[in-house]
Amino acid sequence: ERAAEEARGLVRWLRPDFQDPARRAAGATPLPTSTPTQAEIEIDAGAALPAKPAAAASARRSWPTTLPEQMRGVADVLAAAARPIDAEAIIAAFTGRGPWKRRVPPILEALAALGRARQVNGQWVAG
């Protein structure tokens, strides 16, 4: 039905003020010329933004057991970092026993290959 109407020249615009060239040319509804200022924007003061706990970012967590969890953990530490960090700072974010610390550099390389991390001047940042 719609295709037949369009073949006859009748187009039903979803947003005619912005899409219909004839209406725009006639100046039916001019586009806004300025962006609203902060004073003009209504803000719901009752809606609180979720607070990002600072303690959670600095709290040490145990080293995950599986490789996918390890990669996610390292990626989360990189994403939470406010500045580039080295592998030692990433290791310091975890606790654990055994030789798990030697897995961090290959995990960083894997995250870099996947575009989730990158190295800048010997430091690591989220990708």
C-alpha atoms as a PDB file:
ATOM      1  CA  GLU A   1       0.000   0.000   0.000  1.00  0.00           C
ATOM      2  CA  ARG A   2       2.763   2.425   0.937  1.00  0.00           C
ATOM      3  CA  ALA A   3       4.697   1.651  -2.253  1.00  0.00           C
ATOM      4  CA  ALA A   4       1.618   2.424  -4.345  1.00  0.00           C
ATOM      5  CA  GLU A   5       1.145   5.744  -2.546  1.00  0.00           C
ATOM      6  CA  GLU A   6       4.777   6.672  -3.107  1.00  0.00           C
ATOM      7  CA  ALA A   7       4.460   5.745  -6.804  1.00  0.00           C
ATOM      8  CA  ARG A   8       1.572   8.231  -7.032  1.00  0.00           C
ATOM      9  CA  GLY A   9       3.747  10.892  -5.389  1.00  0.00           C
ATOM     10  CA  LEU A  10       2.263  10.713  -1.887  1.00  0.00           C
ATOM     11  CA  VAL A  11       5.062  10.347   0.643  1.00  0.00           C
ATOM     12  CA  ARG A  12       4.249  10.043   4.322  1.00  0.00           C
ATOM     13  CA  TRP A  13       7.220  11.499   6.124  1.00  0.00           C
ATOM     14  CA  LEU A  14       8.027  10.206   9.595  1.00  0.00           C
ATOM     15  CA  ARG A  15       9.450  13.586  10.592  1.00  0.00           C
ATOM     16  CA  PRO A  16       8.054  16.045   8.054  1.00  0.00           C
ATOM     17  CA  ASP A  17       9.619  19.078   9.712  1.00  0.00           C
ATOM     18  CA  PHE A  18      13.066  17.682   8.990  1.00  0.00           C
ATOM     19  CA  GLN A  19      12.595  15.279   6.047  1.00  0.00           C
ATOM     20  CA  ASP A  20      10.108  16.926   3.670  1.00  0.00           C
ATOM     21  CA  PRO A  21      12.126  19.168   1.309  1.00  0.00           C
ATOM     22  CA  ALA A  22       9.042  21.127   0.220  1.00  0.00           C
ATOM     23  CA  ARG A  23       8.118  21.935   3.791  1.00  0.00           C
ATOM     24  CA  ARG A  24      11.664  22.971   4.656  1.00  0.00           C
ATOM     25  CA  ALA A  25      11.875  25.195   1.573  1.00  0.00           C
ATOM     26  CA  ALA A  26       8.604  26.877   2.524  1.00  0.00           C
ATOM     27  CA  GLY A  27      10.012  27.596   5.966  1.00  0.00           C
ATOM     28  CA  ALA A  28       7.179  25.907   7.813  1.00  0.00           C
ATOM     29  CA  THR A  29       9.346  25.033  10.776  1.00  0.00           C
ATOM     30  CA  PRO A  30      12.781  26.579  10.995  1.00  0.00           C
ATOM     31  CA  LEU A  31      15.523  24.513  12.502  1.00  0.00           C
ATOM     32  CA  PRO A  32      16.876  25.717  15.833  1.00  0.00           C
ATOM     33  CA  THR A  33      19.701  28.187  15.374  1.00  0.00           C
ATOM     34  CA  SER A  34      21.282  27.875  18.786  1.00  0.00           C
ATOM     35  CA  THR A  35      21.879  25.162  21.283  1.00  0.00           C
ATOM     36  CA  PRO A  36      20.245  25.529  24.670  1.00  0.00           C
ATOM     37  CA  THR A  37      22.376  26.782  27.512  1.00  0.00           C
ATOM     38  CA  GLN A  38      22.729  25.037  30.835  1.00  0.00           C
ATOM     39  CA  ALA A  39      20.147  27.376  32.362  1.00  0.00           C
ATOM     40  CA  GLU A  40      17.594  26.385  29.704  1.00  0.00           C
ATOM     41  CA  ILE A  41      17.979  22.640  30.140  1.00  0.00           C
ATOM     42  CA  GLU A  42      15.631  21.100  32.657  1.00  0.00           C
ATOM     43  CA  ILE A  43      17.355  18.702  35.002  1.00  0.00           C
ATOM     44  CA  ASP A  44      15.645  16.270  37.320  1.00  0.00           C
ATOM     45  CA  ALA A  45      17.397  17.116  40.578  1.00  0.00           C
ATOM     46  CA  GLY A  46      15.844  14.098  42.280  1.00  0.00           C
ATOM     47  CA  ALA A  47      17.595  11.642  39.983  1.00  0.00           C
ATOM     48  CA  ALA A  48      20.993  10.852  41.403  1.00  0.00           C
ATOM     49  CA  LEU A  49      23.755   9.532  39.220  1.00  0.00           C
ATOM     50  CA  PRO A  50      25.184   6.216  40.323  1.00  0.00           C
ATOM     51  CA  ALA A  51      28.363   6.853  42.234  1.00  0.00           C
ATOM     52  CA  LYS A  52      31.462   4.973  41.163  1.00  0.00           C
ATOM     53  CA  PRO A  53      33.010   3.790  44.390  1.00  0.00           C
ATOM     54  CA  ALA A  54      36.658   4.740  44.626  1.00  0.00           C
ATOM     55  CA  ALA A  55      37.343   1.854  46.975  1.00  0.00           C
ATOM     56  CA  ALA A  56      36.221  -0.695  44.395  1.00  0.00           C
ATOM     57  CA  ALA A  57      38.731   0.552  41.838  1.00  0.00           C
ATOM     58  CA  SER A  58      41.631   0.347  44.289  1.00  0.00           C
ATOM     59  CA  ALA A  59      40.555  -2.856  46.079  1.00  0.00           C
ATOM     60  CA  ARG A  60      42.669  -5.908  45.321  1.00  0.00           C
ATOM     61  CA  ARG A  61      40.851  -8.917  43.984  1.00  0.00           C
ATOM     62  CA  SER A  62      41.863 -12.515  43.669  1.00  0.00           C
ATOM     63  CA  TRP A  63      43.408 -13.684  40.406  1.00  0.00           C
ATOM     64  CA  PRO A  64      40.742 -15.414  38.269  1.00  0.00           C
ATOM     65  CA  THR A  65      41.131 -19.096  37.509  1.00  0.00           C
ATOM     66  CA  THR A  66      40.147 -19.266  33.823  1.00  0.00           C
ATOM     67  CA  LEU A  67      41.784 -17.457  30.916  1.00  0.00           C
ATOM     68  CA  PRO A  68      38.637 -15.546  29.828  1.00  0.00           C
ATOM     69  CA  GLU A  69      38.144 -14.306  33.400  1.00  0.00           C
ATOM     70  CA  GLN A  70      41.815 -13.323  33.593  1.00  0.00           C
ATOM     71  CA  MET A  71      41.579 -11.325  30.368  1.00  0.00           C
ATOM     72  CA  ARG A  72      38.409  -9.619  31.566  1.00  0.00           C
ATOM     73  CA  GLY A  73      40.018  -8.839  34.929  1.00  0.00           C
ATOM     74  CA  VAL A  74      43.085  -7.250  33.344  1.00  0.00           C
ATOM     75  CA  ALA A  75      40.889  -5.316  30.898  1.00  0.00           C
ATOM     76  CA  ASP A  76      38.755  -4.074  33.808  1.00  0.00           C
ATOM     77  CA  VAL A  77      41.840  -2.858  35.676  1.00  0.00           C
ATOM     78  CA  LEU A  78      42.999  -0.994  32.557  1.00  0.00           C
ATOM     79  CA  ALA A  79      39.564   0.549  32.037  1.00  0.00           C
ATOM     80  CA  ALA A  80      39.388   1.710  35.661  1.00  0.00           C
ATOM     81  CA  ALA A  81      42.843   3.298  35.559  1.00  0.00           C
ATOM     82  CA  ALA A  82      42.802   7.076  35.319  1.00  0.00           C
ATOM     83  CA  ARG A  83      46.208   7.123  33.629  1.00  0.00           C
ATOM     84  CA  PRO A  84      48.480   4.699  31.787  1.00  0.00           C
ATOM     85  CA  ILE A  85      49.831   1.978  34.084  1.00  0.00           C
ATOM     86  CA  ASP A  86      52.560  -0.621  33.828  1.00  0.00           C
ATOM     87  CA  ALA A  87      52.285  -4.376  34.230  1.00  0.00           C
ATOM     88  CA  GLU A  88      53.444  -4.149  37.855  1.00  0.00           C
ATOM     89  CA  ALA A  89      50.502  -1.884  38.716  1.00  0.00           C
ATOM     90  CA  ILE A  90      48.142  -4.368  37.084  1.00  0.00           C
ATOM     91  CA  ILE A  91      49.724  -7.211  39.057  1.00  0.00           C
ATOM     92  CA  ALA A  92      49.327  -5.150  42.244  1.00  0.00           C
ATOM     93  CA  ALA A  93      45.561  -5.017  41.625  1.00  0.00           C
ATOM     94  CA  PHE A  94      45.301  -8.795  42.156  1.00  0.00           C
ATOM     95  CA  THR A  95      46.118 -11.268  44.886  1.00  0.00           C
ATOM     96  CA  GLY A  96      46.944 -14.914  44.475  1.00  0.00           C
ATOM     97  CA  ARG A  97      49.408 -17.696  45.015  1.00  0.00           C
ATOM     98  CA  GLY A  98      51.550 -19.403  42.480  1.00  0.00           C
ATOM     99  CA  PRO A  99      53.133 -18.246  39.221  1.00  0.00           C
ATOM    100  CA  TRP A 100      50.102 -16.284  37.964  1.00  0.00           C
ATOM    101  CA  LYS A 101      52.069 -13.024  37.658  1.00  0.00           C
ATOM    102  CA  ARG A 102      53.947 -14.284  34.602  1.00  0.00           C
ATOM    103  CA  ARG A 103      50.613 -14.559  32.730  1.00  0.00           C
ATOM    104  CA  VAL A 104      49.947 -10.789  32.850  1.00  0.00           C
ATOM    105  CA  PRO A 105      52.336  -9.710  30.019  1.00  0.00           C
ATOM    106  CA  PRO A 106      50.952 -12.269  27.507  1.00  0.00           C
ATOM    107  CA  ILE A 107      47.407 -11.278  28.481  1.00  0.00           C
ATOM    108  CA  LEU A 108      48.278  -7.621  27.853  1.00  0.00           C
ATOM    109  CA  GLU A 109      49.689  -8.569  24.442  1.00  0.00           C
ATOM    110  CA  ALA A 110      46.527 -10.527  23.632  1.00  0.00           C
ATOM    111  CA  LEU A 111      44.342  -7.590  24.673  1.00  0.00           C
ATOM    112  CA  ALA A 112      46.460  -5.321  22.467  1.00  0.00           C
ATOM    113  CA  ALA A 113      46.023  -7.690  19.514  1.00  0.00           C
ATOM    114  CA  LEU A 114      42.259  -7.590  20.078  1.00  0.00           C
ATOM    115  CA  GLY A 115      42.215  -3.787  20.297  1.00  0.00           C
ATOM    116  CA  ARG A 116      41.218  -3.769  23.973  1.00  0.00           C
ATOM    117  CA  ALA A 117      44.560  -2.340  25.188  1.00  0.00           C
ATOM    118  CA  ARG A 118      47.502  -0.441  23.795  1.00  0.00           C
ATOM    119  CA  GLN A 119      50.979   0.375  24.976  1.00  0.00           C
ATOM    120  CA  VAL A 120      52.114   3.984  25.200  1.00  0.00           C
ATOM    121  CA  ASN A 121      55.710   4.689  26.271  1.00  0.00           C
ATOM    122  CA  GLY A 122      55.981   1.408  28.153  1.00  0.00           C
ATOM    123  CA  GLN A 123      52.674   1.951  29.948  1.00  0.00           C
ATOM    124  CA  TRP A 124      49.323   0.300  29.209  1.00  0.00           C
ATOM    125  CA  VAL A 125      45.959   1.978  28.589  1.00  0.00           C
ATOM    126  CA  ALA A 126      42.542   0.622  27.721  1.00  0.00           C
ATOM    127  CA  GLY A 127      42.185   0.322  24.017  1.00  0.00           C
END
